[in-house]
Protein backbone atom coordinates (compact mmCIF):
# COMPACT_ATOMS: atom_id res chain seq x y z
CA MET A 1 119.84 -0.11 63.80
CA THR A 2 121.48 0.89 60.20
CA LEU A 3 122.44 -1.53 57.86
CA MET A 4 126.49 0.55 57.77
CA LEU A 5 126.01 0.52 61.89
CA ALA A 6 125.53 -3.15 61.63
CA ARG A 7 128.83 -4.08 59.02
CA ARG A 8 130.99 -1.52 60.95
CA ALA A 9 129.97 -3.86 64.14
CA ALA A 10 130.92 -6.86 62.75
CA ALA A 11 134.05 -5.39 61.66
CA GLU A 12 134.88 -4.71 65.17
CA CYS A 13 133.56 -8.03 66.07
CA ILE A 14 135.60 -9.90 63.64
CA GLY A 15 138.70 -7.83 64.53
CA THR A 16 138.52 -8.37 68.39
CA TYR A 17 137.92 -12.02 67.67
CA ALA A 18 141.34 -11.86 65.36
CA LEU A 19 142.96 -10.20 68.98
CA VAL A 20 141.71 -13.29 71.06
CA THR A 21 142.12 -15.81 68.80
CA ALA A 22 145.48 -15.14 67.76
CA GLY A 23 147.39 -13.21 70.96
CA CYS A 24 145.67 -15.35 73.49
CA GLY A 25 146.22 -18.54 71.26
CA ALA A 26 150.24 -16.97 71.11
CA ILE A 27 149.79 -17.24 75.12
CA MET A 28 148.68 -20.72 74.90
CA VAL A 29 150.81 -21.95 72.37
CA ASN A 30 153.85 -20.85 74.31
CA ALA A 31 152.55 -22.40 78.24
CA THR A 32 152.74 -25.42 75.86
CA SER A 33 155.68 -25.43 73.24
CA GLY A 34 157.66 -22.31 74.88
CA ALA A 35 158.71 -21.65 71.13
CA LEU A 36 157.30 -18.05 70.63
CA THR A 37 158.94 -16.59 74.28
CA HIS A 38 157.50 -13.35 76.01
CA VAL A 39 158.85 -11.36 73.13
CA GLY A 40 157.16 -13.58 70.94
CA VAL A 41 153.68 -13.25 73.01
CA ALA A 42 154.04 -9.52 72.71
CA ALA A 43 154.98 -9.50 69.34
CA VAL A 44 151.35 -11.57 68.38
CA PHE A 45 149.74 -8.99 69.81
CA GLY A 46 151.01 -5.84 68.49
CA LEU A 47 150.51 -7.84 65.18
CA VAL A 48 146.86 -9.36 64.96
CA ILE A 49 146.31 -5.26 66.09
CA MET A 50 148.36 -4.12 62.82
CA VAL A 51 147.09 -6.09 60.53
CA MET A 52 143.43 -5.57 61.82
CA ILE A 53 143.54 -2.12 61.50
CA ALA A 54 144.77 -1.70 58.03
CA ALA A 55 141.68 -4.86 57.11
CA THR A 56 139.42 -2.97 58.98
CA GLY A 57 139.95 0.77 59.54
CA HIS A 58 138.27 2.46 57.08
CA LEU A 59 135.24 -0.25 57.59
CA SER A 60 134.69 0.64 61.38
CA GLY A 61 137.75 2.71 62.47
CA ALA A 62 138.76 -0.31 64.43
CA HIS A 63 138.84 0.51 68.35
CA PHE A 64 138.39 -3.48 68.69
CA ASN A 65 138.32 -2.30 72.74
CA PRO A 66 135.41 -1.14 74.42
CA ALA A 67 137.92 1.50 76.84
CA VAL A 68 138.93 2.76 73.24
CA THR A 69 135.00 3.54 72.40
CA LEU A 70 133.95 5.37 75.64
CA ALA A 71 137.01 7.16 75.39
CA PHE A 72 136.41 8.62 71.64
CA ALA A 73 132.36 8.96 72.53
CA VAL A 74 133.66 11.08 75.97
CA THR A 75 136.05 12.92 73.74
CA ARG A 76 133.22 13.72 71.36
CA HIS A 77 134.96 11.77 68.62
CA PHE A 78 131.75 9.03 67.96
CA ALA A 79 128.33 8.92 68.58
CA TRP A 80 126.96 8.25 71.82
CA ARG A 81 124.55 6.17 69.55
CA ASP A 82 127.13 3.83 68.41
CA VAL A 83 128.56 2.72 71.45
CA PRO A 84 126.40 -0.19 72.87
CA LEU A 85 126.62 -1.44 69.71
CA TYR A 86 130.58 -1.04 69.62
CA ILE A 87 130.63 -2.61 72.63
CA GLY A 88 128.16 -5.62 71.72
CA GLY A 89 130.23 -6.45 68.76
CA GLN A 90 133.32 -6.45 70.72
CA LEU A 91 132.79 -8.60 73.54
CA LEU A 92 130.78 -10.59 71.15
CA GLY A 93 134.38 -11.04 69.28
CA ALA A 94 136.02 -12.08 72.45
CA VAL A 95 133.49 -14.44 73.59
CA GLY A 96 133.76 -16.42 70.19
CA GLY A 97 137.78 -16.38 70.27
CA ALA A 98 137.67 -17.91 73.25
CA LEU A 99 135.32 -20.67 72.68
CA THR A 100 137.73 -21.00 69.44
CA LEU A 101 140.78 -21.57 71.23
CA ARG A 102 138.90 -23.94 73.90
CA ALA A 103 137.79 -26.04 71.67
CA MET A 104 141.18 -26.18 69.23
CA LEU A 105 143.32 -26.00 72.56
CA GLY A 106 141.99 -27.00 75.47
CA PRO A 107 141.78 -25.49 78.71
CA VAL A 108 145.52 -24.41 78.56
CA ALA A 109 147.10 -21.94 80.22
CA ASN A 110 143.57 -20.16 81.35
CA LEU A 111 142.58 -19.31 78.08
CA GLY A 112 145.28 -16.42 78.13
CA SER A 113 143.23 -15.19 80.65
CA THR A 114 145.11 -11.33 82.10
CA LEU A 115 145.84 -12.16 85.69
CA PRO A 116 148.12 -10.02 88.29
CA SER A 117 151.89 -11.21 88.02
CA ALA A 118 152.72 -8.95 91.17
CA THR A 119 150.39 -7.20 93.55
CA VAL A 120 146.99 -6.41 92.73
CA GLY A 121 147.93 -2.66 93.45
CA GLN A 122 150.98 -2.45 90.63
CA ALA A 123 148.56 -4.58 88.51
CA LEU A 124 145.98 -1.42 88.91
CA VAL A 125 148.90 0.98 88.27
CA ALA A 126 150.52 -0.79 85.21
CA GLU A 127 146.86 -1.32 83.37
CA VAL A 128 146.33 2.23 84.10
CA VAL A 129 149.41 3.63 82.70
CA LEU A 130 149.54 1.21 79.64
CA SER A 131 146.38 1.84 78.47
CA ALA A 132 146.66 5.76 78.66
CA LEU A 133 149.65 5.17 76.60
CA LEU A 134 148.22 3.11 74.25
CA MET A 135 144.99 5.68 73.65
CA PHE A 136 147.14 8.50 73.62
CA VAL A 137 148.87 6.97 70.49
CA ILE A 138 145.22 5.93 68.97
CA ILE A 139 143.80 9.57 69.28
CA ALA A 140 146.46 11.20 67.85
CA VAL A 141 146.72 9.18 64.87
CA ALA A 142 143.13 8.70 64.44
CA THR A 143 141.66 12.34 64.89
CA ASP A 144 144.37 14.72 64.20
CA THR A 145 145.17 15.80 60.73
CA ARG A 146 148.63 16.60 61.20
CA ALA A 147 149.31 13.12 61.95
CA VAL A 148 150.55 10.49 59.13
CA GLY A 149 147.26 8.48 58.97
CA GLN A 150 149.24 5.93 56.94
CA LEU A 151 151.61 4.47 59.98
CA ALA A 152 148.22 4.77 61.63
CA ALA A 153 148.42 0.66 61.73
CA LEU A 154 152.00 0.57 62.75
CA ALA A 155 151.77 2.99 65.35
CA ILE A 156 149.07 1.36 67.35
CA GLY A 157 150.52 -1.88 66.63
CA GLY A 158 154.08 -0.94 67.53
CA THR A 159 152.09 0.55 70.94
CA VAL A 160 150.06 -2.82 71.97
CA ALA A 161 153.69 -4.90 71.19
CA LEU A 162 155.90 -2.35 72.90
CA ASP A 163 152.82 -1.88 76.48
CA ALA A 164 152.65 -6.12 76.25
CA LEU A 165 156.70 -6.23 76.10
CA TRP A 166 157.29 -4.25 79.74
CA GLY A 167 153.51 -4.53 80.87
CA GLY A 168 152.95 -8.40 80.71
CA PRO A 169 155.01 -9.56 83.49
CA ILE A 170 152.77 -7.28 85.62
CA SER A 171 149.89 -7.06 84.94
CA GLY A 172 148.93 -9.10 81.70
CA ALA A 173 148.98 -5.86 79.84
CA SER A 174 145.24 -6.68 78.87
CA MET A 175 144.62 -2.58 77.83
CA ASN A 176 141.23 -3.73 76.79
CA PRO A 177 138.04 -5.34 78.75
CA ALA A 178 136.90 -7.23 76.02
CA ARG A 179 140.42 -8.91 75.59
CA SER A 180 139.87 -10.31 79.28
CA LEU A 181 136.64 -10.64 79.70
CA GLY A 182 135.78 -13.39 76.94
CA PRO A 183 138.46 -15.43 77.79
CA ALA A 184 137.38 -15.24 81.70
CA LEU A 185 134.37 -16.20 80.79
CA VAL A 186 135.11 -19.54 79.10
CA ALA A 187 137.49 -20.45 81.23
CA GLY A 188 135.79 -19.12 84.51
CA ILE A 189 138.57 -17.00 85.69
CA TRP A 190 136.97 -13.92 88.04
CA GLN A 191 139.51 -13.38 90.29
CA HIS A 192 140.61 -9.54 89.77
CA GLN A 193 139.12 -9.15 87.04
CA TRP A 194 137.66 -5.73 87.78
CA ILE A 195 141.09 -4.68 87.44
CA TYR A 196 140.84 -5.79 83.89
CA LEU A 197 137.28 -3.14 83.54
CA VAL A 198 138.07 -0.29 85.75
CA ALA A 199 141.42 0.37 84.80
CA PRO A 200 141.69 0.35 80.88
CA ILE A 201 138.76 3.06 80.74
CA GLY A 202 139.95 4.93 83.13
CA GLY A 203 143.57 4.40 81.39
CA ALA A 204 141.90 5.50 77.96
CA LEU A 205 139.81 8.49 78.97
CA LEU A 206 143.55 9.81 80.81
CA GLY A 207 145.19 9.17 77.99
CA ALA A 208 142.33 10.57 75.91
CA TRP A 209 142.00 13.56 77.40
CA THR A 210 145.59 14.49 77.95
CA TYR A 211 146.18 14.41 74.25
CA GLN A 212 143.53 16.79 73.62
CA ALA A 213 144.81 18.92 76.22
CA ILE A 214 147.91 19.42 74.27
CA ARG A 215 147.00 19.24 71.13
CA ALA A 216 147.58 22.55 69.32
CA PRO A 217 144.42 24.24 67.94
CA GLN A 218 144.47 23.36 63.87
CA LYS A 219 143.09 26.22 61.67
CA GLY A 220 139.69 27.16 62.40
CA GLU A 221 139.74 26.14 65.99
CA GLN A 222 140.00 28.14 68.74
């Protein structure tokens, strides 16, 4: 493991920690005060992703999500040898964020754990669709030089907020195995958690492959 890879993994850890602390913290605060509302919680998730991409995107690529890391690797935009350390950093950050919330606010709202509000089937489909849309946007702005790279943080953060706005009432709009696993592990909430492992990974792969299929070749490509 090189020092540079360790620094990149640390950036992933910090970004995922911020995601869980801010996003799940918003769920917990809203559960006790009602001050944020569903719209406010969705905005917090989008905003924290946006600012952390702006802060660490140049360091690690700002995945903050094992499903994103795997989709990049499968589509050959990321080295497989770096995948374990990236995912390890993301999981560590998610658990650290959940532990911080537990110490700060107590066992409120299951620490923001994701659980289906509709049927299991509806939640599964929702997570696949939400994750596919998110990954479609991510791979477009991150790998295609014709996209406006300066808007990557805004585009990805906006997609997270959009997905959370309409998908949250169905599945919790996780789109991220680490974001779900951290609070679930600390709160001891395991019911239906397989959805938030399988569906985001499947959806991210679907979104990445879809963009790869429709993107026009750039100069020098076949």
